[in-house]
């Protein structure tokens, strides 16, 4: 359980980078293309790239205050009963 908590803390710190928020919707384009072409390999590759995209960016040195406000609301929503 400690390993999972450590991983989630590590991933949450990288979720503060706004650039990563802007890149994730771009995965919709190849996903739709491969879905249209009915390419299972392309769809799976796109989903793996999307899932790994949070690891591409380092932890920010200084988080944007607006990003912190949004993430606090997101965390509150996700941890609510």
Protein backbone atom coordinates (compact mmCIF):
# COMPACT_ATOMS: atom_id res chain seq x y z
CA UNK A 1 0.00 0.00 0.00
CA UNK A 2 2.92 2.35 0.70
CA UNK A 3 4.22 1.78 -2.82
CA UNK A 4 0.85 2.76 -4.29
CA UNK A 5 0.69 5.90 -2.11
CA UNK A 6 4.21 6.86 -3.15
CA UNK A 7 3.36 6.36 -6.82
CA UNK A 8 0.17 8.39 -6.56
CA UNK A 9 2.03 11.23 -4.82
CA UNK A 10 4.68 11.15 -7.52
CA UNK A 11 2.06 11.18 -10.29
CA UNK A 12 0.00 13.92 -8.59
CA UNK A 13 3.06 16.21 -8.48
CA UNK A 14 3.43 15.85 -12.25
CA UNK A 15 -0.25 16.56 -12.77
CA UNK A 16 0.46 20.20 -11.84
CA UNK A 17 2.08 20.93 -15.21
CA UNK A 18 -0.38 22.80 -17.40
CA UNK A 19 1.44 21.77 -20.59
CA UNK A 20 0.44 18.18 -19.90
CA UNK A 21 -3.21 19.27 -19.69
CA UNK A 22 -2.93 20.77 -23.17
CA UNK A 23 -1.27 17.74 -24.73
CA UNK A 24 -3.72 15.08 -23.54
CA UNK A 25 -6.68 16.20 -25.70
CA UNK A 26 -4.41 15.95 -28.76
CA UNK A 27 -4.53 12.18 -28.35
CA UNK A 28 -8.13 12.33 -29.51
CA UNK A 29 -6.98 12.90 -33.11
CA UNK A 30 -4.94 9.69 -33.54
CA UNK A 31 -7.53 7.77 -31.52
CA UNK A 32 -10.30 8.81 -33.90
CA UNK A 33 -8.10 8.13 -36.92
CA UNK A 34 -7.24 4.61 -35.79
CA UNK A 35 -10.84 3.95 -34.78
CA UNK A 36 -11.94 5.01 -38.27
CA UNK A 37 -9.30 2.74 -39.81
CA UNK A 38 -10.32 -0.02 -37.35
CA UNK A 39 -6.73 -0.52 -36.29
CA UNK A 40 -6.66 -2.18 -32.88
CA UNK A 41 -2.88 -1.76 -32.67
CA UNK A 42 -3.18 1.99 -33.32
CA UNK A 43 -5.94 2.38 -30.75
CA UNK A 44 -3.99 0.46 -28.10
CA UNK A 45 -0.81 2.40 -28.86
CA UNK A 46 -2.67 5.71 -28.57
CA UNK A 47 -4.22 4.69 -25.25
CA UNK A 48 -0.82 3.59 -23.92
CA UNK A 49 0.70 6.90 -24.99
CA UNK A 50 -2.15 8.74 -23.28
CA UNK A 51 -1.70 6.75 -20.07
CA UNK A 52 2.06 7.34 -20.09
CA UNK A 53 1.84 11.05 -20.95
CA UNK A 54 1.89 12.10 -17.31
CA UNK A 55 5.41 10.65 -17.02
CA UNK A 56 6.80 12.78 -19.85
CA UNK A 57 7.03 15.98 -17.84
CA UNK A 58 9.13 16.63 -14.73
CA UNK A 59 7.68 17.92 -11.49
CA UNK A 60 7.32 21.71 -11.73
CA UNK A 61 9.52 23.91 -9.55
CA UNK A 62 6.76 26.48 -9.06
CA UNK A 63 3.12 25.57 -9.51
CA UNK A 64 0.72 28.05 -11.05
CA UNK A 65 -1.74 29.38 -8.42
CA UNK A 66 -4.70 28.89 -10.75
CA UNK A 67 -3.60 25.31 -11.40
CA UNK A 68 -3.37 24.70 -7.66
CA UNK A 69 -6.90 26.05 -7.20
CA UNK A 70 -8.25 23.84 -9.96
CA UNK A 71 -6.42 20.77 -8.67
CA UNK A 72 -7.72 21.37 -5.14
CA UNK A 73 -11.26 21.35 -6.54
CA UNK A 74 -10.48 18.25 -8.57
CA UNK A 75 -9.01 16.44 -5.57
CA UNK A 76 -12.01 17.43 -3.44
CA UNK A 77 -14.37 16.06 -6.11
CA UNK A 78 -12.46 12.81 -6.46
CA UNK A 79 -12.21 12.16 -2.73
CA UNK A 80 -15.78 13.15 -1.84
CA UNK A 81 -18.21 10.52 -0.60
